[in-house]
Amino acid sequence: MAKVSSVNIRPGVNVLSVLPHLNYKSWFALAEFVDNSIQSSVAKRSRLEAVDGVDYKLRVDIEFDAPNNTIVVRDNAAGISSEDYHRAFRPAEIPPDASGLSEFGMGMKSAACWFSPNWSVRSSALGESEERTVIFNIDEIVNDSIEELNVLSMKVSEDKHYTVVRLENIRRFPREKKQFRRLKSIFLVFIESIFERVFWFSMLMVKS
């Protein structure tokens, strides 16, 4: 396992400043995070089952906290490994295996920047003993032309595997219930037909 103390986001400055203006819909942006979770669990399925048993199910929880203007996306997929870490945070970096769901390497970054100027990703990769957190302040990155971000690390068990994306100061907070229903129906149909119901998906609206 390579030590990850910082992550390079070149050519991130110009790209990140454009992402908030993409013609997204909220359910489509949220679907980008779910795509990443699904791809991670599919790619590492055998290793996940070796740790959690053959009954392992991918779980993705999306928490909408309107009073605090935050959205948190949690999963129990395989996490972001040290070998993939730098690629994961560089905009427009195509994954080594482009045959999966994360074809263009823009999902997490574009969706997070579209929703929020302040977001973070905390992840523990299966088989690695470090939880890593990287924090994005888009205004600061653009204004100061920052090309490298510090990675905060802490020791965890090698059996821990998860990713938590926290979006703060949301620009476009999803409010219509039909958006939640549409996102949920998209993935329930997809998972039940392709992955034989190995997926648990929930959304929680935190009310004031």
N, C-alpha and C. Protein backbone atom coordinates (compact mmCIF):
# COMPACT_ATOMS: atom_id res chain seq x y z
N MET A 1 0.84 -1.19 0.00
CA MET A 1 0.00 0.00 0.00
C MET A 1 0.88 1.24 0.00
N ALA A 2 0.69 2.11 -0.99
CA ALA A 2 1.46 3.34 -1.08
C ALA A 2 0.91 4.38 -0.12
N LYS A 3 1.81 5.16 0.47
CA LYS A 3 1.41 6.24 1.37
C LYS A 3 0.88 7.40 0.53
N VAL A 4 -0.33 7.88 0.83
CA VAL A 4 -0.93 8.98 0.10
C VAL A 4 -1.06 10.18 1.04
N SER A 5 -0.25 11.20 0.84
CA SER A 5 -0.29 12.38 1.71
C SER A 5 -0.88 13.59 1.01
N SER A 6 -0.95 13.55 -0.31
CA SER A 6 -1.53 14.65 -1.08
C SER A 6 -2.06 14.08 -2.39
N VAL A 7 -2.90 14.86 -3.05
CA VAL A 7 -3.45 14.42 -4.32
C VAL A 7 -3.37 15.58 -5.30
N ASN A 8 -2.89 15.29 -6.51
CA ASN A 8 -2.73 16.30 -7.55
C ASN A 8 -4.02 16.39 -8.35
N ILE A 9 -4.56 17.60 -8.51
CA ILE A 9 -5.83 17.77 -9.23
C ILE A 9 -5.64 18.48 -10.57
N ARG A 10 -4.40 18.61 -11.05
CA ARG A 10 -4.19 19.16 -12.38
C ARG A 10 -4.89 18.27 -13.42
N PRO A 11 -5.51 18.87 -14.44
CA PRO A 11 -5.69 20.29 -14.74
C PRO A 11 -6.97 20.82 -14.11
N GLY A 12 -7.10 20.60 -12.82
CA GLY A 12 -8.36 20.81 -12.13
C GLY A 12 -8.88 22.23 -12.06
N VAL A 13 -8.02 23.23 -12.02
CA VAL A 13 -8.48 24.58 -11.73
C VAL A 13 -9.52 25.05 -12.74
N ASN A 14 -9.16 25.03 -14.01
CA ASN A 14 -10.09 25.52 -15.03
C ASN A 14 -11.30 24.62 -15.18
N VAL A 15 -11.10 23.32 -15.10
CA VAL A 15 -12.20 22.39 -15.25
C VAL A 15 -13.19 22.52 -14.10
N LEU A 16 -12.70 22.59 -12.88
CA LEU A 16 -13.58 22.68 -11.71
C LEU A 16 -14.43 23.93 -11.71
N SER A 17 -13.92 25.02 -12.27
CA SER A 17 -14.69 26.26 -12.30
C SER A 17 -15.84 26.20 -13.30
N VAL A 18 -15.76 25.29 -14.25
CA VAL A 18 -16.81 25.16 -15.27
C VAL A 18 -17.90 24.19 -14.83
N LEU A 19 -17.54 23.19 -14.04
CA LEU A 19 -18.47 22.11 -13.69
C LEU A 19 -19.78 22.58 -13.08
N PRO A 20 -19.82 23.63 -12.24
CA PRO A 20 -21.11 24.05 -11.68
C PRO A 20 -22.13 24.49 -12.73
N HIS A 21 -21.68 24.79 -13.95
CA HIS A 21 -22.56 25.30 -14.99
C HIS A 21 -23.04 24.21 -15.95
N LEU A 22 -22.72 22.96 -15.66
CA LEU A 22 -23.18 21.87 -16.51
C LEU A 22 -24.70 21.78 -16.48
N ASN A 23 -25.27 21.30 -17.56
CA ASN A 23 -26.72 21.17 -17.67
C ASN A 23 -27.15 19.83 -17.06
N TYR A 24 -27.12 19.77 -15.74
CA TYR A 24 -27.47 18.56 -15.01
C TYR A 24 -28.90 18.65 -14.48
N LYS A 25 -29.44 17.53 -14.11
CA LYS A 25 -30.62 17.45 -13.26
C LYS A 25 -30.16 16.84 -11.94
N SER A 26 -30.85 17.16 -10.86
CA SER A 26 -30.38 16.71 -9.56
C SER A 26 -30.33 15.20 -9.44
N TRP A 27 -31.33 14.50 -9.99
CA TRP A 27 -31.31 13.04 -9.88
C TRP A 27 -30.19 12.44 -10.71
N PHE A 28 -29.83 13.12 -11.82
CA PHE A 28 -28.73 12.63 -12.65
C PHE A 28 -27.40 12.82 -11.94
N ALA A 29 -27.25 13.98 -11.29
CA ALA A 29 -26.02 14.24 -10.54
C ALA A 29 -25.86 13.24 -9.40
N LEU A 30 -26.96 12.97 -8.68
CA LEU A 30 -26.90 11.99 -7.59
C LEU A 30 -26.58 10.60 -8.14
N ALA A 31 -27.09 10.30 -9.32
CA ALA A 31 -26.84 8.99 -9.92
C ALA A 31 -25.35 8.75 -10.18
N GLU A 32 -24.59 9.84 -10.38
CA GLU A 32 -23.15 9.69 -10.59
C GLU A 32 -22.48 9.04 -9.38
N PHE A 33 -22.90 9.44 -8.17
CA PHE A 33 -22.31 8.86 -6.96
C PHE A 33 -22.70 7.38 -6.84
N VAL A 34 -23.95 7.07 -7.15
CA VAL A 34 -24.41 5.68 -7.07
C VAL A 34 -23.68 4.83 -8.10
N ASP A 35 -23.45 5.37 -9.29
CA ASP A 35 -22.69 4.66 -10.32
C ASP A 35 -21.32 4.23 -9.79
N ASN A 36 -20.63 5.15 -9.13
CA ASN A 36 -19.30 4.84 -8.58
C ASN A 36 -19.38 3.72 -7.57
N SER A 37 -20.40 3.75 -6.71
CA SER A 37 -20.56 2.72 -5.69
C SER A 37 -20.80 1.36 -6.33
N ILE A 38 -21.67 1.33 -7.32
CA ILE A 38 -21.97 0.07 -8.01
C ILE A 38 -20.73 -0.48 -8.68
N GLN A 39 -20.01 0.37 -9.41
CA GLN A 39 -18.82 -0.08 -10.12
C GLN A 39 -17.77 -0.64 -9.16
N SER A 40 -17.59 0.04 -8.02
CA SER A 40 -16.62 -0.41 -7.02
C SER A 40 -17.00 -1.78 -6.48
N SER A 41 -18.29 -1.98 -6.18
CA SER A 41 -18.72 -3.26 -5.60
C SER A 41 -18.66 -4.39 -6.61
N VAL A 42 -18.93 -4.08 -7.88
CA VAL A 42 -18.87 -5.10 -8.92
C VAL A 42 -17.42 -5.52 -9.18
N ALA A 43 -16.53 -4.53 -9.27
CA ALA A 43 -15.13 -4.81 -9.58
C ALA A 43 -14.45 -5.61 -8.47
N LYS A 44 -14.86 -5.40 -7.21
CA LYS A 44 -14.22 -6.06 -6.08
C LYS A 44 -15.16 -7.06 -5.39
N ARG A 45 -16.11 -7.58 -6.13
CA ARG A 45 -17.15 -8.41 -5.55
C ARG A 45 -16.59 -9.61 -4.77
N SER A 46 -15.65 -10.32 -5.37
CA SER A 46 -15.12 -11.53 -4.72
C SER A 46 -14.39 -11.19 -3.43
N ARG A 47 -13.67 -10.09 -3.41
CA ARG A 47 -12.95 -9.69 -2.20
C ARG A 47 -13.92 -9.22 -1.12
N LEU A 48 -14.97 -8.53 -1.52
CA LEU A 48 -15.98 -8.09 -0.56
C LEU A 48 -16.68 -9.29 0.07
N GLU A 49 -16.99 -10.28 -0.73
CA GLU A 49 -17.64 -11.49 -0.20
C GLU A 49 -16.69 -12.27 0.70
N ALA A 50 -15.40 -12.22 0.41
CA ALA A 50 -14.43 -12.91 1.25
C ALA A 50 -14.38 -12.32 2.65
N VAL A 51 -14.62 -11.02 2.75
CA VAL A 51 -14.59 -10.34 4.04
C VAL A 51 -15.95 -10.37 4.73
N ASP A 52 -17.01 -10.09 3.97
CA ASP A 52 -18.35 -9.93 4.56
C ASP A 52 -19.26 -11.14 4.35
N GLY A 53 -18.79 -12.14 3.61
CA GLY A 53 -19.61 -13.32 3.35
C GLY A 53 -20.34 -13.24 2.03
N VAL A 54 -20.86 -14.36 1.59
CA VAL A 54 -21.51 -14.43 0.27
C VAL A 54 -22.82 -13.65 0.25
N ASP A 55 -23.33 -13.29 1.40
CA ASP A 55 -24.57 -12.52 1.45
C ASP A 55 -24.32 -11.01 1.42
N TYR A 56 -23.09 -10.60 1.16
CA TYR A 56 -22.77 -9.18 1.08
C TYR A 56 -23.70 -8.48 0.10
N LYS A 57 -24.21 -7.32 0.52
CA LYS A 57 -25.00 -6.46 -0.35
C LYS A 57 -24.41 -5.06 -0.35
N LEU A 58 -24.30 -4.49 -1.54
CA LEU A 58 -23.94 -3.09 -1.62
C LEU A 58 -25.07 -2.27 -1.02
N ARG A 59 -24.70 -1.30 -0.18
CA ARG A 59 -25.69 -0.39 0.39
C ARG A 59 -25.26 1.04 0.09
N VAL A 60 -26.18 1.82 -0.43
CA VAL A 60 -25.94 3.24 -0.68
C VAL A 60 -27.03 4.03 0.04
N ASP A 61 -26.63 4.92 0.92
CA ASP A 61 -27.57 5.78 1.64
C ASP A 61 -27.31 7.23 1.26
N ILE A 62 -28.36 7.94 0.91
CA ILE A 62 -28.26 9.36 0.59
C ILE A 62 -29.09 10.14 1.60
N GLU A 63 -28.44 11.02 2.33
CA GLU A 63 -29.11 11.81 3.37
C GLU A 63 -29.22 13.26 2.92
N PHE A 64 -30.45 13.76 2.86
CA PHE A 64 -30.70 15.14 2.49
C PHE A 64 -31.01 15.93 3.77
N ASP A 65 -30.17 16.86 4.10
CA ASP A 65 -30.34 17.67 5.31
C ASP A 65 -30.59 19.12 4.89
N ALA A 66 -31.87 19.43 4.64
CA ALA A 66 -32.22 20.76 4.16
C ALA A 66 -31.91 21.86 5.17
N PRO A 67 -32.20 21.66 6.48
CA PRO A 67 -31.89 22.73 7.44
C PRO A 67 -30.42 23.15 7.45
N ASN A 68 -29.52 22.18 7.25
CA ASN A 68 -28.09 22.48 7.24
C ASN A 68 -27.51 22.58 5.84
N ASN A 69 -28.39 22.45 4.84
CA ASN A 69 -28.01 22.59 3.43
C ASN A 69 -26.86 21.66 3.06
N THR A 70 -27.00 20.39 3.44
CA THR A 70 -25.98 19.38 3.13
C THR A 70 -26.62 18.13 2.55
N ILE A 71 -25.84 17.41 1.78
CA ILE A 71 -26.21 16.08 1.28
C ILE A 71 -25.03 15.16 1.57
N VAL A 72 -25.31 13.99 2.13
CA VAL A 72 -24.27 13.02 2.42
C VAL A 72 -24.61 11.70 1.73
N VAL A 73 -23.65 11.18 0.97
CA VAL A 73 -23.81 9.90 0.27
C VAL A 73 -22.83 8.90 0.88
N ARG A 74 -23.35 7.79 1.42
CA ARG A 74 -22.52 6.77 2.05
C ARG A 74 -22.70 5.44 1.33
N ASP A 75 -21.61 4.68 1.23
CA ASP A 75 -21.74 3.32 0.71
C ASP A 75 -20.83 2.37 1.48
N ASN A 76 -21.04 1.08 1.24
CA ASN A 76 -20.17 0.05 1.82
C ASN A 76 -19.48 -0.73 0.71
N ALA A 77 -19.15 -0.02 -0.38
CA ALA A 77 -18.40 -0.63 -1.47
C ALA A 77 -16.94 -0.78 -1.07
N ALA A 78 -16.05 -0.97 -2.03
CA ALA A 78 -14.67 -1.34 -1.72
C ALA A 78 -13.78 -0.16 -1.38
N GLY A 79 -14.28 1.07 -1.48
CA GLY A 79 -13.46 2.23 -1.15
C GLY A 79 -12.51 2.61 -2.28
N ILE A 80 -11.79 3.71 -2.08
CA ILE A 80 -10.84 4.21 -3.08
C ILE A 80 -9.44 3.77 -2.67
N SER A 81 -8.85 2.88 -3.44
CA SER A 81 -7.54 2.32 -3.09
C SER A 81 -6.43 3.33 -3.32
N SER A 82 -5.29 3.07 -2.70
CA SER A 82 -4.14 3.98 -2.85
C SER A 82 -3.69 4.05 -4.30
N GLU A 83 -3.79 2.95 -5.03
CA GLU A 83 -3.34 2.95 -6.42
C GLU A 83 -4.29 3.73 -7.32
N ASP A 84 -5.54 3.88 -6.91
CA ASP A 84 -6.52 4.62 -7.71
C ASP A 84 -6.74 6.04 -7.20
N TYR A 85 -6.13 6.41 -6.10
CA TYR A 85 -6.49 7.64 -5.41
C TYR A 85 -6.24 8.89 -6.26
N HIS A 86 -5.07 8.98 -6.86
CA HIS A 86 -4.76 10.18 -7.63
C HIS A 86 -5.67 10.30 -8.85
N ARG A 87 -5.92 9.19 -9.52
CA ARG A 87 -6.81 9.22 -10.68
C ARG A 87 -8.21 9.63 -10.29
N ALA A 88 -8.67 9.18 -9.13
CA ALA A 88 -10.05 9.43 -8.71
C ALA A 88 -10.37 10.91 -8.55
N PHE A 89 -9.36 11.74 -8.25
CA PHE A 89 -9.63 13.14 -7.97
C PHE A 89 -9.14 14.09 -9.06
N ARG A 90 -8.62 13.55 -10.16
CA ARG A 90 -8.25 14.40 -11.28
C ARG A 90 -9.40 14.47 -12.26
N PRO A 91 -9.89 15.67 -12.57
CA PRO A 91 -10.99 15.79 -13.53
C PRO A 91 -10.60 15.24 -14.89
N ALA A 92 -11.57 14.57 -15.53
CA ALA A 92 -11.40 14.04 -16.89
C ALA A 92 -10.32 12.97 -16.98
N GLU A 93 -10.04 12.28 -15.90
CA GLU A 93 -9.10 11.17 -15.90
C GLU A 93 -9.89 9.89 -16.13
N ILE A 94 -9.75 9.30 -17.31
CA ILE A 94 -10.52 8.12 -17.67
C ILE A 94 -10.03 6.91 -16.88
N PRO A 95 -10.93 6.10 -16.30
CA PRO A 95 -10.52 4.92 -15.54
C PRO A 95 -9.77 3.93 -16.42
N PRO A 96 -8.88 3.11 -15.83
CA PRO A 96 -8.17 2.09 -16.60
C PRO A 96 -9.13 1.14 -17.31
N ASP A 97 -10.23 0.78 -16.64
CA ASP A 97 -11.26 -0.05 -17.25
C ASP A 97 -12.45 0.84 -17.57
N ALA A 98 -12.53 1.28 -18.84
CA ALA A 98 -13.61 2.20 -19.24
C ALA A 98 -14.85 1.46 -19.70
N SER A 99 -14.89 0.15 -19.48
CA SER A 99 -16.06 -0.62 -19.90
C SER A 99 -17.17 -0.60 -18.86
N GLY A 100 -16.85 -0.09 -17.66
CA GLY A 100 -17.84 -0.07 -16.59
C GLY A 100 -18.68 1.18 -16.60
N LEU A 101 -19.25 1.50 -15.44
CA LEU A 101 -20.17 2.63 -15.35
C LEU A 101 -19.44 3.97 -15.35
N SER A 102 -18.24 4.04 -14.81
CA SER A 102 -17.51 5.31 -14.73
C SER A 102 -16.66 5.50 -15.97
N GLU A 103 -17.31 5.61 -17.10
CA GLU A 103 -16.62 5.57 -18.39
C GLU A 103 -15.73 6.76 -18.65
N PHE A 104 -16.19 7.97 -18.27
CA PHE A 104 -15.48 9.17 -18.67
C PHE A 104 -14.69 9.83 -17.55
N GLY A 105 -14.70 9.25 -16.35
CA GLY A 105 -13.89 9.77 -15.26
C GLY A 105 -14.34 11.12 -14.73
N MET A 106 -15.60 11.49 -14.96
CA MET A 106 -16.09 12.79 -14.51
C MET A 106 -17.18 12.68 -13.46
N GLY A 107 -17.67 11.47 -13.16
CA GLY A 107 -18.86 11.32 -12.34
C GLY A 107 -18.83 12.02 -11.01
N MET A 108 -17.97 11.57 -10.09
CA MET A 108 -17.96 12.12 -8.74
C MET A 108 -17.58 13.59 -8.74
N LYS A 109 -16.56 13.96 -9.50
CA LYS A 109 -16.08 15.33 -9.49
C LYS A 109 -17.11 16.30 -10.06
N SER A 110 -17.66 15.94 -11.21
CA SER A 110 -18.63 16.84 -11.86
C SER A 110 -19.89 16.98 -11.02
N ALA A 111 -20.39 15.87 -10.48
CA ALA A 111 -21.61 15.93 -9.68
C ALA A 111 -21.40 16.72 -8.40
N ALA A 112 -20.28 16.48 -7.71
CA ALA A 112 -20.00 17.19 -6.47
C ALA A 112 -19.87 18.70 -6.70
N CYS A 113 -19.15 19.07 -7.74
CA CYS A 113 -18.96 20.50 -8.03
C CYS A 113 -20.25 21.15 -8.50
N TRP A 114 -21.09 20.40 -9.19
CA TRP A 114 -22.38 20.94 -9.63
C TRP A 114 -23.27 21.25 -8.43
N PHE A 115 -23.26 20.36 -7.46
CA PHE A 115 -24.07 20.55 -6.27
C PHE A 115 -23.50 21.60 -5.32
N SER A 116 -22.17 21.61 -5.17
CA SER A 116 -21.60 22.26 -3.99
C SER A 116 -20.22 22.86 -4.24
N PRO A 117 -19.93 24.04 -3.66
CA PRO A 117 -18.58 24.59 -3.72
C PRO A 117 -17.67 24.04 -2.63
N ASN A 118 -18.24 23.31 -1.68
CA ASN A 118 -17.46 22.75 -0.55
C ASN A 118 -17.87 21.30 -0.35
N TRP A 119 -16.96 20.41 -0.65
CA TRP A 119 -17.29 18.99 -0.51
C TRP A 119 -16.05 18.19 -0.12
N SER A 120 -16.30 17.02 0.44
CA SER A 120 -15.20 16.17 0.89
C SER A 120 -15.52 14.71 0.60
N VAL A 121 -14.48 13.92 0.50
CA VAL A 121 -14.61 12.48 0.30
C VAL A 121 -13.76 11.77 1.35
N ARG A 122 -14.41 10.93 2.15
CA ARG A 122 -13.73 10.12 3.17
C ARG A 122 -13.89 8.66 2.79
N SER A 123 -12.78 7.94 2.67
CA SER A 123 -12.87 6.59 2.16
C SER A 123 -11.85 5.67 2.81
N SER A 124 -12.27 4.44 3.06
CA SER A 124 -11.39 3.37 3.52
C SER A 124 -11.44 2.25 2.50
N ALA A 125 -10.31 1.91 1.92
CA ALA A 125 -10.26 0.89 0.87
C ALA A 125 -10.08 -0.49 1.49
N LEU A 126 -10.81 -1.44 0.97
CA LEU A 126 -10.71 -2.82 1.43
C LEU A 126 -9.28 -3.32 1.32
N GLY A 127 -8.75 -3.88 2.41
CA GLY A 127 -7.40 -4.42 2.40
C GLY A 127 -6.32 -3.41 2.74
N GLU A 128 -6.70 -2.16 3.02
CA GLU A 128 -5.74 -1.13 3.39
C GLU A 128 -6.06 -0.63 4.79
N SER A 129 -5.05 -0.17 5.49
CA SER A 129 -5.21 0.17 6.91
C SER A 129 -5.31 1.66 7.17
N GLU A 130 -5.70 2.44 6.14
CA GLU A 130 -5.84 3.87 6.30
C GLU A 130 -7.18 4.36 5.77
N GLU A 131 -7.82 5.21 6.55
CA GLU A 131 -8.96 5.98 6.05
C GLU A 131 -8.40 7.32 5.56
N ARG A 132 -8.79 7.74 4.36
CA ARG A 132 -8.27 8.99 3.79
C ARG A 132 -9.40 9.96 3.52
N THR A 133 -9.14 11.23 3.77
CA THR A 133 -10.12 12.28 3.52
C THR A 133 -9.47 13.40 2.72
N VAL A 134 -10.13 13.82 1.66
CA VAL A 134 -9.68 14.98 0.88
C VAL A 134 -10.82 15.98 0.84
N ILE A 135 -10.49 17.27 1.01
CA ILE A 135 -11.49 18.33 1.11
C ILE A 135 -11.31 19.31 -0.05
N PHE A 136 -12.42 19.60 -0.72
CA PHE A 136 -12.41 20.53 -1.84
C PHE A 136 -13.13 21.82 -1.45
N ASN A 137 -12.44 22.95 -1.56
CA ASN A 137 -13.04 24.27 -1.47
C ASN A 137 -12.83 24.90 -2.85
N ILE A 138 -13.86 24.85 -3.69
CA ILE A 138 -13.68 25.19 -5.09
C ILE A 138 -13.28 26.64 -5.28
N ASP A 139 -13.88 27.56 -4.54
CA ASP A 139 -13.52 28.97 -4.68
C ASP A 139 -12.05 29.19 -4.36
N GLU A 140 -11.57 28.56 -3.30
CA GLU A 140 -10.16 28.70 -2.91
C GLU A 140 -9.25 28.07 -3.95
N ILE A 141 -9.63 26.91 -4.45
CA ILE A 141 -8.82 26.23 -5.47
C ILE A 141 -8.68 27.09 -6.72
N VAL A 142 -9.80 27.67 -7.17
CA VAL A 142 -9.79 28.48 -8.39
C VAL A 142 -9.07 29.80 -8.16
N ASN A 143 -9.38 30.49 -7.07
CA ASN A 143 -8.78 31.81 -6.82
C ASN A 143 -7.28 31.73 -6.61
N ASP A 144 -6.81 30.66 -5.93
CA ASP A 144 -5.39 30.53 -5.63
C ASP A 144 -4.65 29.59 -6.58
N SER A 145 -5.35 29.12 -7.61
CA SER A 145 -4.76 28.19 -8.60
C SER A 145 -4.09 27.01 -7.92
N ILE A 146 -4.78 26.43 -6.95
CA ILE A 146 -4.24 25.27 -6.21
C ILE A 146 -4.29 24.03 -7.09
N GLU A 147 -3.17 23.32 -7.15
CA GLU A 147 -3.09 22.13 -7.98
C GLU A 147 -2.87 20.85 -7.18
N GLU A 148 -2.70 20.99 -5.87
CA GLU A 148 -2.48 19.82 -5.02
C GLU A 148 -3.17 20.02 -3.68
N LEU A 149 -3.88 18.98 -3.24
CA LEU A 149 -4.62 19.04 -1.98
C LEU A 149 -4.04 18.05 -0.98
N ASN A 150 -4.02 18.42 0.29
CA ASN A 150 -3.57 17.51 1.33
C ASN A 150 -4.60 16.41 1.56
N VAL A 151 -4.11 15.25 1.93
CA VAL A 151 -4.96 14.12 2.26
C VAL A 151 -4.80 13.82 3.74
N LEU A 152 -5.91 13.83 4.48
CA LEU A 152 -5.89 13.54 5.91
C LEU A 152 -6.07 12.04 6.11
N SER A 153 -5.22 11.41 6.92
CA SER A 153 -5.25 9.96 7.09
C SER A 153 -5.38 9.57 8.54
N MET A 154 -6.03 8.43 8.78
CA MET A 154 -6.08 7.84 10.11
C MET A 154 -6.10 6.32 9.96
N LYS A 155 -5.60 5.62 10.96
CA LYS A 155 -5.52 4.17 10.93
C LYS A 155 -6.89 3.54 11.14
N VAL A 156 -7.18 2.52 10.34
CA VAL A 156 -8.41 1.74 10.50
C VAL A 156 -8.09 0.27 10.21
N SER A 157 -9.02 -0.60 10.49
CA SER A 157 -8.85 -2.02 10.19
C SER A 157 -8.84 -2.24 8.68
N GLU A 158 -8.06 -3.21 8.23
CA GLU A 158 -8.00 -3.53 6.80
C GLU A 158 -9.31 -4.09 6.28
N ASP A 159 -10.20 -4.52 7.16
CA ASP A 159 -11.50 -5.04 6.74
C ASP A 159 -12.53 -3.94 6.54
N LYS A 160 -12.21 -2.71 6.92
CA LYS A 160 -13.14 -1.60 6.74
C LYS A 160 -13.18 -1.20 5.27
N HIS A 161 -14.38 -0.96 4.76
CA HIS A 161 -14.51 -0.55 3.36
C HIS A 161 -15.76 0.32 3.20
N TYR A 162 -15.55 1.55 2.79
CA TYR A 162 -16.66 2.50 2.64
C TYR A 162 -16.16 3.77 1.99
N THR A 163 -17.11 4.55 1.50
CA THR A 163 -16.84 5.91 1.02
C THR A 163 -17.98 6.80 1.47
N VAL A 164 -17.64 7.98 1.97
CA VAL A 164 -18.63 8.96 2.40
C VAL A 164 -18.33 10.27 1.68
N VAL A 165 -19.28 10.72 0.86
CA VAL A 165 -19.16 12.00 0.16
C VAL A 165 -20.08 12.99 0.87
N ARG A 166 -19.51 14.09 1.32
CA ARG A 166 -20.29 15.11 2.03
C ARG A 166 -20.30 16.40 1.21
N LEU A 167 -21.48 16.85 0.84
CA LEU A 167 -21.65 18.07 0.06
C LEU A 167 -22.25 19.14 0.96
N GLU A 168 -21.61 20.31 1.02
CA GLU A 168 -22.07 21.39 1.88
C GLU A 168 -22.39 22.63 1.05
N ASN A 169 -23.19 23.53 1.63
CA ASN A 169 -23.58 24.77 0.95
C ASN A 169 -24.14 24.48 -0.44
N ILE A 170 -25.13 23.62 -0.47
CA ILE A 170 -25.69 23.13 -1.73
C ILE A 170 -26.24 24.28 -2.56
N ARG A 171 -25.88 24.30 -3.85
CA ARG A 171 -26.37 25.35 -4.75
C ARG A 171 -27.81 25.09 -5.17
N ARG A 172 -28.11 23.82 -5.42
CA ARG A 172 -29.43 23.45 -5.94
C ARG A 172 -29.94 22.29 -5.10
N PHE A 173 -30.67 22.61 -4.04
CA PHE A 173 -31.11 21.54 -3.16
C PHE A 173 -32.34 20.85 -3.74
N PRO A 174 -32.28 19.51 -3.88
CA PRO A 174 -33.43 18.79 -4.44
C PRO A 174 -34.62 18.89 -3.49
N ARG A 175 -35.75 19.33 -4.02
CA ARG A 175 -36.91 19.52 -3.17
C ARG A 175 -38.13 18.72 -3.63
N GLU A 176 -38.20 18.40 -4.89
CA GLU A 176 -39.37 17.70 -5.40
C GLU A 176 -39.25 16.21 -5.17
N LYS A 177 -40.30 15.62 -4.59
CA LYS A 177 -40.28 14.19 -4.26
C LYS A 177 -40.14 13.33 -5.51
N LYS A 178 -40.64 13.81 -6.63
CA LYS A 178 -40.55 13.00 -7.85
C LYS A 178 -39.10 12.77 -8.26
N GLN A 179 -38.20 13.69 -7.88
CA GLN A 179 -36.78 13.50 -8.18
C GLN A 179 -36.24 12.30 -7.42
N PHE A 180 -36.61 12.18 -6.15
CA PHE A 180 -36.15 11.06 -5.35
C PHE A 180 -36.72 9.75 -5.90
N ARG A 181 -38.00 9.76 -6.25
CA ARG A 181 -38.62 8.55 -6.79
C ARG A 181 -37.97 8.13 -8.10
N ARG A 182 -37.66 9.13 -8.93
CA ARG A 182 -37.05 8.81 -10.22
C ARG A 182 -35.68 8.18 -10.03
N LEU A 183 -34.86 8.76 -9.17
CA LEU A 183 -33.52 8.21 -8.92
C LEU A 183 -33.62 6.80 -8.37
N LYS A 184 -34.50 6.60 -7.40
CA LYS A 184 -34.63 5.28 -6.79
C LYS A 184 -35.12 4.25 -7.80
N SER A 185 -36.10 4.63 -8.62
CA SER A 185 -36.64 3.68 -9.59
C SER A 185 -35.62 3.31 -10.66
N ILE A 186 -34.79 4.27 -11.06
CA ILE A 186 -33.76 3.99 -12.05
C ILE A 186 -32.85 2.86 -11.57
N PHE A 187 -32.38 2.98 -10.34
CA PHE A 187 -31.40 2.01 -9.87
C PHE A 187 -32.01 0.71 -9.38
N LEU A 188 -33.22 0.75 -8.87
CA LEU A 188 -33.85 -0.49 -8.47
C LEU A 188 -34.12 -1.37 -9.68
N VAL A 189 -34.59 -0.77 -10.75
CA VAL A 189 -34.82 -1.54 -11.98
C VAL A 189 -33.50 -2.07 -12.52
N PHE A 190 -32.48 -1.21 -12.52
CA PHE A 190 -31.18 -1.60 -13.05
C PHE A 190 -30.56 -2.73 -12.24
N ILE A 191 -30.58 -2.59 -10.95
CA ILE A 191 -29.95 -3.58 -10.09
C ILE A 191 -30.70 -4.89 -10.11
N GLU A 192 -32.02 -4.83 -10.06
CA GLU A 192 -32.79 -6.08 -10.01
C GLU A 192 -32.63 -6.87 -11.29
N SER A 193 -32.45 -6.18 -12.41
CA SER A 193 -32.35 -6.89 -13.67
C SER A 193 -30.93 -7.37 -13.97
N ILE A 194 -29.94 -6.62 -13.50
CA ILE A 194 -28.55 -6.93 -13.85
C ILE A 194 -27.80 -7.64 -12.73
N PHE A 195 -27.98 -7.19 -11.51
CA PHE A 195 -27.17 -7.70 -10.40
C PHE A 195 -27.97 -8.54 -9.40
N GLU A 196 -29.18 -8.94 -9.79
CA GLU A 196 -29.96 -9.90 -9.02
C GLU A 196 -30.17 -9.47 -7.57
N ARG A 197 -30.55 -8.22 -7.40
CA ARG A 197 -30.96 -7.70 -6.09
C ARG A 197 -29.86 -7.79 -5.02
N VAL A 198 -28.66 -7.42 -5.40
CA VAL A 198 -27.57 -7.42 -4.41
C VAL A 198 -27.34 -6.00 -3.89
N PHE A 199 -28.33 -5.16 -4.03
CA PHE A 199 -28.15 -3.73 -3.81
C PHE A 199 -29.25 -3.20 -2.90
N TRP A 200 -28.86 -2.42 -1.89
CA TRP A 200 -29.82 -1.78 -1.01
C TRP A 200 -29.63 -0.28 -1.14
N PHE A 201 -30.73 0.42 -1.39
CA PHE A 201 -30.65 1.84 -1.65
C PHE A 201 -31.65 2.57 -0.78
N SER A 202 -31.23 3.62 -0.09
CA SER A 202 -32.18 4.36 0.72
C SER A 202 -31.89 5.86 0.64
N MET A 203 -32.93 6.63 0.85
CA MET A 203 -32.79 8.09 0.91
C MET A 203 -33.50 8.60 2.15
N LEU A 204 -32.85 9.47 2.88
CA LEU A 204 -33.39 10.00 4.12
C LEU A 204 -33.45 11.52 4.01
N MET A 205 -34.64 12.07 4.24
CA MET A 205 -34.80 13.52 4.25
C MET A 205 -34.80 13.98 5.71
N VAL A 206 -33.81 14.77 6.07
CA VAL A 206 -33.73 15.32 7.42
C VAL A 206 -34.55 16.60 7.45
N LYS A 207 -35.51 16.66 8.36
CA LYS A 207 -36.40 17.82 8.42
C LYS A 207 -36.08 18.67 9.64
N SER A 208 -36.41 19.95 9.53
CA SER A 208 -36.16 20.87 10.64
C SER A 208 -37.19 20.66 11.74
